[in-house]
PDB file of N, CA and C in Angstrom:
ATOM      1  N   MET A   1       0.691  -1.188   0.006  1.00  0.00           N
ATOM      2  CA  MET A   1       0.070  -0.031   0.129  1.00  0.00           C
ATOM      3  C   MET A   1       0.967   1.348   0.078  1.00  0.00           C
ATOM      4  N   GLY A   2       1.899   1.230   0.531  1.00  0.00           N
ATOM      5  CA  GLY A   2       2.534   2.443   0.539  1.00  0.00           C
ATOM      6  C   GLY A   2       2.862   3.450  -0.212  1.00  0.00           C
ATOM      7  N   SER A   3       3.443   2.751  -1.930  1.00  0.00           N
ATOM      8  CA  SER A   3       3.559   3.983  -2.671  1.00  0.00           C
ATOM      9  C   SER A   3       2.001   4.479  -2.967  1.00  0.00           C
ATOM     10  N   ASP A   4       0.921   3.735  -2.955  1.00  0.00           N
ATOM     11  CA  ASP A   4      -0.291   4.074  -3.732  1.00  0.00           C
ATOM     12  C   ASP A   4      -0.322   5.289  -2.234  1.00  0.00           C
ATOM     13  N   THR A   5      -0.728   4.910  -1.475  1.00  0.00           N
ATOM     14  CA  THR A   5      -0.966   5.736  -0.277  1.00  0.00           C
ATOM     15  C   THR A   5      -0.320   6.969  -0.247  1.00  0.00           C
ATOM     16  N   LEU A   6       1.109   7.189  -0.801  1.00  0.00           N
ATOM     17  CA  LEU A   6       1.979   8.600  -0.838  1.00  0.00           C
ATOM     18  C   LEU A   6       1.313   8.864  -1.796  1.00  0.00           C
ATOM     19  N   ARG A   7       1.169   8.519  -3.111  1.00  0.00           N
ATOM     20  CA  ARG A   7       0.455   9.456  -3.973  1.00  0.00           C
ATOM     21  C   ARG A   7      -0.694   9.716  -3.764  1.00  0.00           C
ATOM     22  N   ILE A   8      -1.650   9.183  -3.014  1.00  0.00           N
ATOM     23  CA  ILE A   8      -2.787   9.611  -3.124  1.00  0.00           C
ATOM     24  C   ILE A   8      -2.421  11.182  -2.421  1.00  0.00           C
ATOM     25  N   ALA A   9      -2.028  10.756  -1.183  1.00  0.00           N
ATOM     26  CA  ALA A   9      -1.470  12.013  -0.197  1.00  0.00           C
ATOM     27  C   ALA A   9      -1.416  13.109  -0.773  1.00  0.00           C
ATOM     28  N   GLU A  10      -0.500  12.949  -1.598  1.00  0.00           N
ATOM     29  CA  GLU A  10       0.308  14.243  -2.308  1.00  0.00           C
ATOM     30  C   GLU A  10      -0.677  14.484  -3.467  1.00  0.00           C
ATOM     31  N   ARG A  11      -1.694  13.787  -3.898  1.00  0.00           N
ATOM     32  CA  ARG A  11      -2.409  14.433  -4.919  1.00  0.00           C
ATOM     33  C   ARG A  11      -3.650  15.231  -4.165  1.00  0.00           C
ATOM     34  N   LEU A  12      -3.818  14.815  -2.894  1.00  0.00           N
ATOM     35  CA  LEU A  12      -4.939  15.532  -1.792  1.00  0.00           C
ATOM     36  C   LEU A  12      -4.540  16.410  -1.170  1.00  0.00           C
ATOM     37  N   ASP A  13      -2.970  16.592  -1.038  1.00  0.00           N
ATOM     38  CA  ASP A  13      -2.514  17.241  -0.044  1.00  0.00           C
ATOM     39  C   ASP A  13      -2.931  17.066   1.480  1.00  0.00           C
ATOM     40  N   ARG A  14      -3.014  15.897   1.586  1.00  0.00           N
ATOM     41  CA  ARG A  14      -3.031  15.336   3.003  1.00  0.00           C
ATOM     42  C   ARG A  14      -1.780  14.716   3.431  1.00  0.00           C
ATOM     43  N   PRO A  15      -1.666  14.177   4.926  1.00  0.00           N
ATOM     44  CA  PRO A  15      -0.367  13.630   5.160  1.00  0.00           C
ATOM     45  C   PRO A  15      -0.809  12.034   4.830  1.00  0.00           C
ATOM     46  N   GLU A  16       0.138  11.678   4.845  1.00  0.00           N
ATOM     47  CA  GLU A  16      -0.021  10.080   4.542  1.00  0.00           C
ATOM     48  C   GLU A  16      -0.810   8.821   5.240  1.00  0.00           C
ATOM     49  N   SER A  17      -0.390   9.296   6.787  1.00  0.00           N
ATOM     50  CA  SER A  17      -1.128   8.584   7.677  1.00  0.00           C
ATOM     51  C   SER A  17      -2.464   8.999   7.745  1.00  0.00           C
ATOM     52  N   THR A  18      -3.084   9.940   7.219  1.00  0.00           N
ATOM     53  CA  THR A  18      -4.651  10.268   7.189  1.00  0.00           C
ATOM     54  C   THR A  18      -5.178   9.547   5.853  1.00  0.00           C
ATOM     55  N   VAL A  19      -4.212   9.155   4.810  1.00  0.00           N
ATOM     56  CA  VAL A  19      -4.613   8.390   3.972  1.00  0.00           C
ATOM     57  C   VAL A  19      -4.399   6.878   4.155  1.00  0.00           C
ATOM     58  N   ARG A  20      -3.664   6.619   4.793  1.00  0.00           N
ATOM     59  CA  ARG A  20      -4.012   5.143   5.364  1.00  0.00           C
ATOM     60  C   ARG A  20      -5.094   4.775   6.803  1.00  0.00           C
ATOM     61  N   ARG A  21      -4.846   5.792   7.243  1.00  0.00           N
ATOM     62  CA  ARG A  21      -6.244   5.673   8.222  1.00  0.00           C
ATOM     63  C   ARG A  21      -7.744   5.706   7.376  1.00  0.00           C
ATOM     64  N   TRP A  22      -7.701   6.159   6.263  1.00  0.00           N
ATOM     65  CA  TRP A  22      -9.115   6.334   5.505  1.00  0.00           C
ATOM     66  C   TRP A  22      -9.412   4.798   5.106  1.00  0.00           C
ATOM     67  N   LEU A  23      -7.948   4.441   4.461  1.00  0.00           N
ATOM     68  CA  LEU A  23      -8.062   3.142   3.605  1.00  0.00           C
ATOM     69  C   LEU A  23      -8.551   2.132   4.614  1.00  0.00           C
ATOM     70  N   ARG A  24      -8.162   2.096   5.570  1.00  0.00           N
ATOM     71  CA  ARG A  24      -8.270   1.258   6.807  1.00  0.00           C
ATOM     72  C   ARG A  24      -9.454   1.078   6.988  1.00  0.00           C
ATOM     73  N   ARG A  25     -10.308   2.030   7.470  1.00  0.00           N
ATOM     74  CA  ARG A  25     -11.701   2.222   7.937  1.00  0.00           C
ATOM     75  C   ARG A  25     -12.731   1.788   6.897  1.00  0.00           C
ATOM     76  N   VAL A  26     -12.680   1.230   5.775  1.00  0.00           N
ATOM     77  CA  VAL A  26     -13.633   1.156   4.900  1.00  0.00           C
ATOM     78  C   VAL A  26     -13.814  -0.565   4.955  1.00  0.00           C
ATOM     79  N   PRO A  27     -14.730  -1.130   5.951  1.00  0.00           N
ATOM     80  CA  PRO A  27     -15.122  -2.795   5.410  1.00  0.00           C
ATOM     81  C   PRO A  27     -15.777  -3.069   4.487  1.00  0.00           C
ATOM     82  N   PRO A  28     -15.036  -4.154   4.224  1.00  0.00           N
ATOM     83  CA  PRO A  28     -15.640  -4.739   3.196  1.00  0.00           C
ATOM     84  C   PRO A  28     -17.342  -4.522   2.655  1.00  0.00           C
ATOM     85  N   GLU A  29     -18.113  -4.755   3.316  1.00  0.00           N
ATOM     86  CA  GLU A  29     -19.450  -4.504   3.265  1.00  0.00           C
ATOM     87  C   GLU A  29     -19.805  -2.900   2.858  1.00  0.00           C
ATOM     88  N   HIS A  30     -19.030  -2.184   3.318  1.00  0.00           N
ATOM     89  CA  HIS A  30     -19.196  -0.866   2.768  1.00  0.00           C
ATOM     90  C   HIS A  30     -18.684  -0.432   1.412  1.00  0.00           C
ATOM     91  N   LEU A  31     -17.627  -1.250   1.112  1.00  0.00           N
ATOM     92  CA  LEU A  31     -17.001  -1.227  -0.179  1.00  0.00           C
ATOM     93  C   LEU A  31     -18.117  -1.582  -1.018  1.00  0.00           C
ATOM     94  N   HIS A  32     -18.390  -2.681  -0.952  1.00  0.00           N
ATOM     95  CA  HIS A  32     -19.435  -3.279  -1.465  1.00  0.00           C
ATOM     96  C   HIS A  32     -20.902  -2.458  -2.383  1.00  0.00           C
ATOM     97  N   TRP A  33     -21.269  -1.643  -1.010  1.00  0.00           N
ATOM     98  CA  TRP A  33     -22.597  -0.584  -1.192  1.00  0.00           C
ATOM     99  C   TRP A  33     -22.147   0.302  -1.803  1.00  0.00           C
ATOM    100  N   MET A  34     -20.642   0.885  -1.831  1.00  0.00           N
ATOM    101  CA  MET A  34     -20.111   1.739  -2.595  1.00  0.00           C
ATOM    102  C   MET A  34     -20.045   1.863  -4.215  1.00  0.00           C
ATOM    103  N   TYR A  35     -19.383   0.516  -4.178  1.00  0.00           N
ATOM    104  CA  TYR A  35     -19.404  -0.233  -6.039  1.00  0.00           C
ATOM    105  C   TYR A  35     -20.898  -0.317  -6.522  1.00  0.00           C
ATOM    106  N   THR A  36     -21.968  -0.609  -5.410  1.00  0.00           N
ATOM    107  CA  THR A  36     -23.137  -1.051  -6.092  1.00  0.00           C
ATOM    108  C   THR A  36     -23.834   0.502  -6.221  1.00  0.00           C
ATOM    109  N   GLN A  37     -23.682   1.456  -5.450  1.00  0.00           N
ATOM    110  CA  GLN A  37     -23.976   2.669  -5.868  1.00  0.00           C
ATOM    111  C   GLN A  37     -23.460   3.162  -7.266  1.00  0.00           C
ATOM    112  N   GLY A  38     -22.397   3.067  -7.259  1.00  0.00           N
ATOM    113  CA  GLY A  38     -21.882   3.839  -8.485  1.00  0.00           C
ATOM    114  C   GLY A  38     -22.413   3.135  -9.788  1.00  0.00           C
ATOM    115  N   CYS A  39     -22.279   1.573  -9.803  1.00  0.00           N
ATOM    116  CA  CYS A  39     -23.078   0.756 -10.682  1.00  0.00           C
ATOM    117  C   CYS A  39     -24.358   0.956 -11.260  1.00  0.00           C
ATOM    118  N   GLU A  40     -25.113   1.390  -9.956  1.00  0.00           N
ATOM    119  CA  GLU A  40     -26.565   1.693 -10.310  1.00  0.00           C
ATOM    120  C   GLU A  40     -26.713   3.077 -11.342  1.00  0.00           C
ATOM    121  N   ARG A  41     -25.824   3.863 -10.594  1.00  0.00           N
ATOM    122  CA  ARG A  41     -25.548   5.295 -11.173  1.00  0.00           C
ATOM    123  C   ARG A  41     -25.337   4.918 -12.611  1.00  0.00           C
ATOM    124  N   LEU A  42     -24.147   4.442 -12.853  1.00  0.00           N
ATOM    125  CA  LEU A  42     -23.254   4.100 -13.987  1.00  0.00           C
ATOM    126  C   LEU A  42     -24.545   3.530 -14.967  1.00  0.00           C
ATOM    127  N   ALA A  43     -25.347   2.356 -14.960  1.00  0.00           N
ATOM    128  CA  ALA A  43     -25.752   1.847 -15.453  1.00  0.00           C
ATOM    129  C   ALA A  43     -27.626   3.015 -16.086  1.00  0.00           C
ATOM    130  N   THR A  44     -27.572   3.484 -15.299  1.00  0.00           N
ATOM    131  CA  THR A  44     -28.635   4.357 -15.561  1.00  0.00           C
ATOM    132  C   THR A  44     -28.200   5.729 -16.701  1.00  0.00           C
ATOM    133  N   TYR A  45     -26.831   6.132 -16.789  1.00  0.00           N
ATOM    134  CA  TYR A  45     -26.308   7.498 -17.311  1.00  0.00           C
ATOM    135  C   TYR A  45     -25.414   6.910 -18.699  1.00  0.00           C
ATOM    136  N   ALA A  46     -24.642   5.775 -18.621  1.00  0.00           N
ATOM    137  CA  ALA A  46     -24.111   5.222 -19.541  1.00  0.00           C
ATOM    138  C   ALA A  46     -23.620   3.849 -19.765  1.00  0.00           C
ATOM    139  N   ALA A  47     -24.637   2.984 -19.923  1.00  0.00           N
ATOM    140  CA  ALA A  47     -24.374   1.195 -19.331  1.00  0.00           C
ATOM    141  C   ALA A  47     -23.345   1.017 -20.605  1.00  0.00           C
ATOM    142  N   ASP A  48     -23.165   1.575 -21.694  1.00  0.00           N
ATOM    143  CA  ASP A  48     -22.097   1.052 -22.378  1.00  0.00           C
ATOM    144  C   ASP A  48     -20.822   1.254 -21.936  1.00  0.00           C
ATOM    145  N   ALA A  49     -20.613   2.062 -20.717  1.00  0.00           N
ATOM    146  CA  ALA A  49     -19.284   2.595 -20.008  1.00  0.00           C
ATOM    147  C   ALA A  49     -18.869   1.332 -19.341  1.00  0.00           C
ATOM    148  N   PHE A  50     -19.495   0.759 -19.173  1.00  0.00           N
ATOM    149  CA  PHE A  50     -18.897  -0.614 -18.458  1.00  0.00           C
ATOM    150  C   PHE A  50     -17.963  -1.228 -18.774  1.00  0.00           C
ATOM    151  N   SER A  51     -17.729  -1.490 -20.378  1.00  0.00           N
ATOM    152  CA  SER A  51     -16.971  -2.120 -20.809  1.00  0.00           C
ATOM    153  C   SER A  51     -15.784  -1.585 -20.853  1.00  0.00           C
ATOM    154  N   ARG A  52     -15.358  -0.365 -20.308  1.00  0.00           N
ATOM    155  CA  ARG A  52     -14.221   0.286 -20.742  1.00  0.00           C
ATOM    156  C   ARG A  52     -13.542   0.289 -19.484  1.00  0.00           C
ATOM    157  N   ILE A  53     -14.183  -0.379 -18.341  1.00  0.00           N
ATOM    158  CA  ILE A  53     -14.003  -0.209 -16.890  1.00  0.00           C
ATOM    159  C   ILE A  53     -13.079  -1.353 -16.348  1.00  0.00           C
ATOM    160  N   ARG A  54     -11.787  -1.442 -16.291  1.00  0.00           N
ATOM    161  CA  ARG A  54     -11.015  -2.366 -15.870  1.00  0.00           C
ATOM    162  C   ARG A  54     -11.053  -2.521 -14.443  1.00  0.00           C
ATOM    163  N   ASN A  55     -11.325  -4.199 -13.914  1.00  0.00           N
ATOM    164  CA  ASN A  55     -11.244  -3.972 -12.789  1.00  0.00           C
ATOM    165  C   ASN A  55      -9.663  -4.057 -11.769  1.00  0.00           C
ATOM    166  N   THR A  56      -9.390  -3.366 -11.156  1.00  0.00           N
ATOM    167  CA  THR A  56      -7.767  -3.240 -10.819  1.00  0.00           C
ATOM    168  C   THR A  56      -7.202  -4.620  -9.562  1.00  0.00           C
ATOM    169  N   ARG A  57      -8.818  -4.732  -9.277  1.00  0.00           N
ATOM    170  CA  ARG A  57      -8.463  -6.155  -7.960  1.00  0.00           C
ATOM    171  C   ARG A  57      -8.094  -4.938  -6.600  1.00  0.00           C
ATOM    172  N   ASN A  58      -8.162  -3.802  -6.452  1.00  0.00           N
ATOM    173  CA  ASN A  58      -8.311  -3.183  -5.252  1.00  0.00           C
ATOM    174  C   ASN A  58      -9.893  -2.846  -5.104  1.00  0.00           C
ATOM    175  N   PRO A  59     -10.627  -3.575  -4.318  1.00  0.00           N
ATOM    176  CA  PRO A  59     -11.805  -2.935  -4.214  1.00  0.00           C
ATOM    177  C   PRO A  59     -12.032  -1.336  -3.676  1.00  0.00           C
ATOM    178  N   LEU A  60     -11.722  -1.075  -3.130  1.00  0.00           N
ATOM    179  CA  LEU A  60     -11.596   0.577  -2.664  1.00  0.00           C
ATOM    180  C   LEU A  60     -11.403   1.331  -4.024  1.00  0.00           C
ATOM    181  N   HIS A  61     -10.542   0.901  -4.611  1.00  0.00           N
ATOM    182  CA  HIS A  61     -10.270   1.298  -6.186  1.00  0.00           C
ATOM    183  C   HIS A  61     -11.351   1.644  -7.276  1.00  0.00           C
ATOM    184  N   HIS A  62     -11.514   0.196  -7.251  1.00  0.00           N
ATOM    185  CA  HIS A  62     -12.396  -0.489  -8.145  1.00  0.00           C
ATOM    186  C   HIS A  62     -14.270   0.495  -7.810  1.00  0.00           C
ATOM    187  N   ALA A  63     -14.416   0.465  -6.890  1.00  0.00           N
ATOM    188  CA  ALA A  63     -15.945   1.258  -6.189  1.00  0.00           C
ATOM    189  C   ALA A  63     -15.797   2.594  -6.502  1.00  0.00           C
ATOM    190  N   LEU A  64     -14.326   3.516  -6.083  1.00  0.00           N
ATOM    191  CA  LEU A  64     -14.077   4.654  -6.248  1.00  0.00           C
ATOM    192  C   LEU A  64     -14.484   5.118  -7.827  1.00  0.00           C
ATOM    193  N   THR A  65     -13.669   4.196  -8.895  1.00  0.00           N
ATOM    194  CA  THR A  65     -13.561   4.304 -10.493  1.00  0.00           C
ATOM    195  C   THR A  65     -15.408   4.116 -10.734  1.00  0.00           C
ATOM    196  N   MET A  66     -16.075   3.187 -10.135  1.00  0.00           N
ATOM    197  CA  MET A  66     -17.661   3.353 -10.581  1.00  0.00           C
ATOM    198  C   MET A  66     -18.241   4.430 -10.306  1.00  0.00           C
ATOM    199  N   LEU A  67     -17.772   4.857  -8.966  1.00  0.00           N
ATOM    200  CA  LEU A  67     -18.673   6.165  -8.695  1.00  0.00           C
ATOM    201  C   LEU A  67     -17.975   7.327  -9.170  1.00  0.00           C
ATOM    202  N   ALA A  68     -17.018   7.314  -9.267  1.00  0.00           N
ATOM    203  CA  ALA A  68     -16.190   8.368 -10.427  1.00  0.00           C
ATOM    204  C   ALA A  68     -16.778   8.395 -11.856  1.00  0.00           C
ATOM    205  N   ALA A  69     -16.567   7.329 -12.569  1.00  0.00           N
ATOM    206  CA  ALA A  69     -17.508   7.020 -13.846  1.00  0.00           C
ATOM    207  C   ALA A  69     -18.771   7.661 -13.846  1.00  0.00           C
ATOM    208  N   ALA A  70     -19.312   6.985 -12.707  1.00  0.00           N
ATOM    209  CA  ALA A  70     -21.258   7.877 -12.465  1.00  0.00           C
ATOM    210  C   ALA A  70     -21.166   9.272 -12.774  1.00  0.00           C
ATOM    211  N   ALA A  71     -20.115   9.777 -11.525  1.00  0.00           N
ATOM    212  CA  ALA A  71     -20.273  11.491 -11.689  1.00  0.00           C
ATOM    213  C   ALA A  71     -19.883  12.126 -13.387  1.00  0.00           C
ATOM    214  N   PHE A  72     -18.895  11.531 -13.696  1.00  0.00           N
ATOM    215  CA  PHE A  72     -18.386  12.159 -15.518  1.00  0.00           C
ATOM    216  C   PHE A  72     -19.682  11.929 -16.237  1.00  0.00           C
ATOM    217  N   HIS A  73     -20.119  10.742 -16.595  1.00  0.00           N
ATOM    218  CA  HIS A  73     -21.342  10.646 -17.286  1.00  0.00           C
ATOM    219  C   HIS A  73     -22.541  11.287 -17.070  1.00  0.00           C
ATOM    220  N   ALA A  74     -23.045  11.565 -15.632  1.00  0.00           N
ATOM    221  CA  ALA A  74     -23.781  12.386 -14.960  1.00  0.00           C
ATOM    222  C   ALA A  74     -23.647  13.520 -15.851  1.00  0.00           C
ATOM    223  N   ARG A  75     -22.433  14.109 -15.353  1.00  0.00           N
ATOM    224  CA  ARG A  75     -21.848  15.371 -15.803  1.00  0.00           C
ATOM    225  C   ARG A  75     -21.899  15.607 -17.579  1.00  0.00           C
ATOM    226  N   GLU A  76     -21.628  14.690 -17.980  1.00  0.00           N
ATOM    227  CA  GLU A  76     -21.717  15.138 -19.672  1.00  0.00           C
ATOM    228  C   GLU A  76     -23.231  14.859 -19.841  1.00  0.00           C
ATOM    229  N   ARG A  77     -23.750  13.908 -19.559  1.00  0.00           N
ATOM    230  CA  ARG A  77     -25.293  13.490 -20.142  1.00  0.00           C
ATOM    231  C   ARG A  77     -26.140  14.747 -20.035  1.00  0.00           C
ATOM    232  N   PHE A  78     -26.018  15.090 -18.569  1.00  0.00           N
ATOM    233  CA  PHE A  78     -27.265  16.218 -18.337  1.00  0.00           C
ATOM    234  C   PHE A  78     -26.706  17.816 -18.114  1.00  0.00           C
ATOM    235  N   GLY A  79     -25.430  17.801 -18.441  1.00  0.00           N
ATOM    236  CA  GLY A  79     -24.868  19.019 -18.137  1.00  0.00           C
ATOM    237  C   GLY A  79     -24.452  19.943 -17.057  1.00  0.00           C
ATOM    238  N   PHE A  80     -24.533  19.042 -15.866  1.00  0.00           N
ATOM    239  CA  PHE A  80     -24.168  19.171 -14.252  1.00  0.00           C
ATOM    240  C   PHE A  80     -23.003  20.170 -14.092  1.00  0.00           C
ATOM    241  N   GLU A  81     -22.968  21.027 -13.611  1.00  0.00           N
ATOM    242  CA  GLU A  81     -22.167  21.820 -13.483  1.00  0.00           C
ATOM    243  C   GLU A  81     -21.417  21.560 -12.026  1.00  0.00           C
ATOM    244  N   ASP A  82     -21.860  20.847 -11.322  1.00  0.00           N
ATOM    245  CA  ASP A  82     -21.638  20.520  -9.970  1.00  0.00           C
ATOM    246  C   ASP A  82     -19.922  19.525 -10.070  1.00  0.00           C
ATOM    247  N   PRO A  83     -19.008  19.932  -8.975  1.00  0.00           N
ATOM    248  CA  PRO A  83     -17.891  19.022  -9.049  1.00  0.00           C
ATOM    249  C   PRO A  83     -18.087  17.423  -9.146  1.00  0.00           C
ATOM    250  N   PRO A  84     -17.494  16.792  -9.524  1.00  0.00           N
ATOM    251  CA  PRO A  84     -17.710  15.284  -9.784  1.00  0.00           C
ATOM    252  C   PRO A  84     -17.918  14.804  -7.813  1.00  0.00           C
ATOM    253  N   TRP A  85     -16.979  15.370  -7.080  1.00  0.00           N
ATOM    254  CA  TRP A  85     -17.332  14.840  -5.703  1.00  0.00           C
ATOM    255  C   TRP A  85     -18.566  15.203  -5.059  1.00  0.00           C
ATOM    256  N   THR A  86     -18.902  16.501  -5.921  1.00  0.00           N
ATOM    257  CA  THR A  86     -20.442  16.950  -4.775  1.00  0.00           C
ATOM    258  C   THR A  86     -21.229  15.825  -5.685  1.00  0.00           C
ATOM    259  N   LEU A  87     -21.488  15.127  -6.704  1.00  0.00           N
ATOM    260  CA  LEU A  87     -22.133  14.128  -7.423  1.00  0.00           C
ATOM    261  C   LEU A  87     -21.914  12.951  -6.663  1.00  0.00           C
ATOM    262  N   ILE A  88     -20.779  12.329  -6.219  1.00  0.00           N
ATOM    263  CA  ILE A  88     -20.291  11.339  -5.433  1.00  0.00           C
ATOM    264  C   ILE A  88     -20.795  11.083  -3.786  1.00  0.00           C
ATOM    265  N   GLY A  89     -20.571  12.351  -3.471  1.00  0.00           N
ATOM    266  CA  GLY A  89     -21.063  12.661  -2.296  1.00  0.00           C
ATOM    267  C   GLY A  89     -23.108  12.148  -2.454  1.00  0.00           C
ATOM    268  N   MET A  90     -23.341  12.933  -3.411  1.00  0.00           N
ATOM    269  CA  MET A  90     -25.085  12.825  -3.320  1.00  0.00           C
ATOM    270  C   MET A  90     -24.803  11.138  -3.644  1.00  0.00           C
ATOM    271  N   TYR A  91     -24.257  10.639  -4.438  1.00  0.00           N
ATOM    272  CA  TYR A  91     -24.590   8.813  -4.390  1.00  0.00           C
ATOM    273  C   TYR A  91     -24.167   8.145  -3.066  1.00  0.00           C
ATOM    274  N   THR A  92     -23.235   8.509  -2.509  1.00  0.00           N
ATOM    275  CA  THR A  92     -23.096   7.669  -0.970  1.00  0.00           C
ATOM    276  C   THR A  92     -23.608   8.405  -0.259  1.00  0.00           C
ATOM    277  N   ARG A  93     -24.529   9.243  -0.039  1.00  0.00           N
ATOM    278  CA  ARG A  93     -25.243   9.704   1.109  1.00  0.00           C
ATOM    279  C   ARG A  93     -24.273  10.583   1.855  1.00  0.00           C
ATOM    280  N   GLY A  94     -23.397  10.867   1.647  1.00  0.00           N
ATOM    281  CA  GLY A  94     -22.453  11.783   2.382  1.00  0.00           C
ATOM    282  C   GLY A  94     -21.784  10.625   3.423  1.00  0.00           C
ATOM    283  N   ARG A  95     -21.618   9.320   2.480  1.00  0.00           N
ATOM    284  CA  ARG A  95     -21.157   8.448   3.404  1.00  0.00           C
ATOM    285  C   ARG A  95     -20.242   7.596   3.037  1.00  0.00           C
ATOM    286  N   LEU A  96     -19.118   8.343   2.090  1.00  0.00           N
ATOM    287  CA  LEU A  96     -18.067   7.945   1.150  1.00  0.00           C
ATOM    288  C   LEU A  96     -17.084   6.620   1.692  1.00  0.00           C
ATOM    289  N   LEU A  97     -16.777   7.004   2.826  1.00  0.00           N
ATOM    290  CA  LEU A  97     -15.481   6.202   3.599  1.00  0.00           C
ATOM    291  C   LEU A  97     -15.745   6.063   5.044  1.00  0.00           C
ATOM    292  N   ALA A  98     -17.276   6.550   5.176  1.00  0.00           N
ATOM    293  CA  ALA A  98     -17.595   6.353   6.683  1.00  0.00           C
ATOM    294  C   ALA A  98     -18.862   5.533   6.844  1.00  0.00           C
ATOM    295  N   PRO A  99     -18.994   4.337   6.656  1.00  0.00           N
ATOM    296  CA  PRO A  99     -20.457   3.101   6.934  1.00  0.00           C
ATOM    297  C   PRO A  99     -21.318   3.956   8.131  1.00  0.00           C
ATOM    298  N   PRO A 100     -22.767   4.022   7.767  1.00  0.00           N
ATOM    299  CA  PRO A 100     -23.511   4.276   9.210  1.00  0.00           C
ATOM    300  C   PRO A 100     -22.858   2.823  10.224  1.00  0.00           C
ATOM    301  N   ARG A 101     -22.820   3.720  11.590  1.00  0.00           N
ATOM    302  CA  ARG A 101     -22.586   2.765  12.624  1.00  0.00           C
ATOM    303  C   ARG A 101     -23.433   2.079  13.223  1.00  0.00           C
ATOM    304  N   GLY A 102     -23.253   0.652  13.207  1.00  0.00           N
ATOM    305  CA  GLY A 102     -24.393  -0.209  13.454  1.00  0.00           C
ATOM    306  C   GLY A 102     -24.906  -0.709  12.467  1.00  0.00           C
ATOM    307  N   GLY A 103     -24.462  -0.623  11.182  1.00  0.00           N
ATOM    308  CA  GLY A 103     -25.105  -1.504  10.470  1.00  0.00           C
ATOM    309  C   GLY A 103     -25.079  -0.829   9.121  1.00  0.00           C
TER     310      GLY A 103
END
């Protein structure tokens, strides 16, 4: 995870320890939920886009890729000017890396 966390930290201008904490915090069930949210939106906006997305074998990366693709295609299709992260936040109900407590 080392070089990945450093690269993410540099891009987001955050300490590497913060990024590591974010990545450890996401349980598998929540990753699946995030992935499903992205897939459902992407299927609605641009179903043909699935064939262009490769699975990186990293569940967090893949879930975020689906969410980002959905945001990209929503902006393109509907002319939304909201930043992609705003749309991703809406898709995940503000729970991107923080699953609801107790379920």
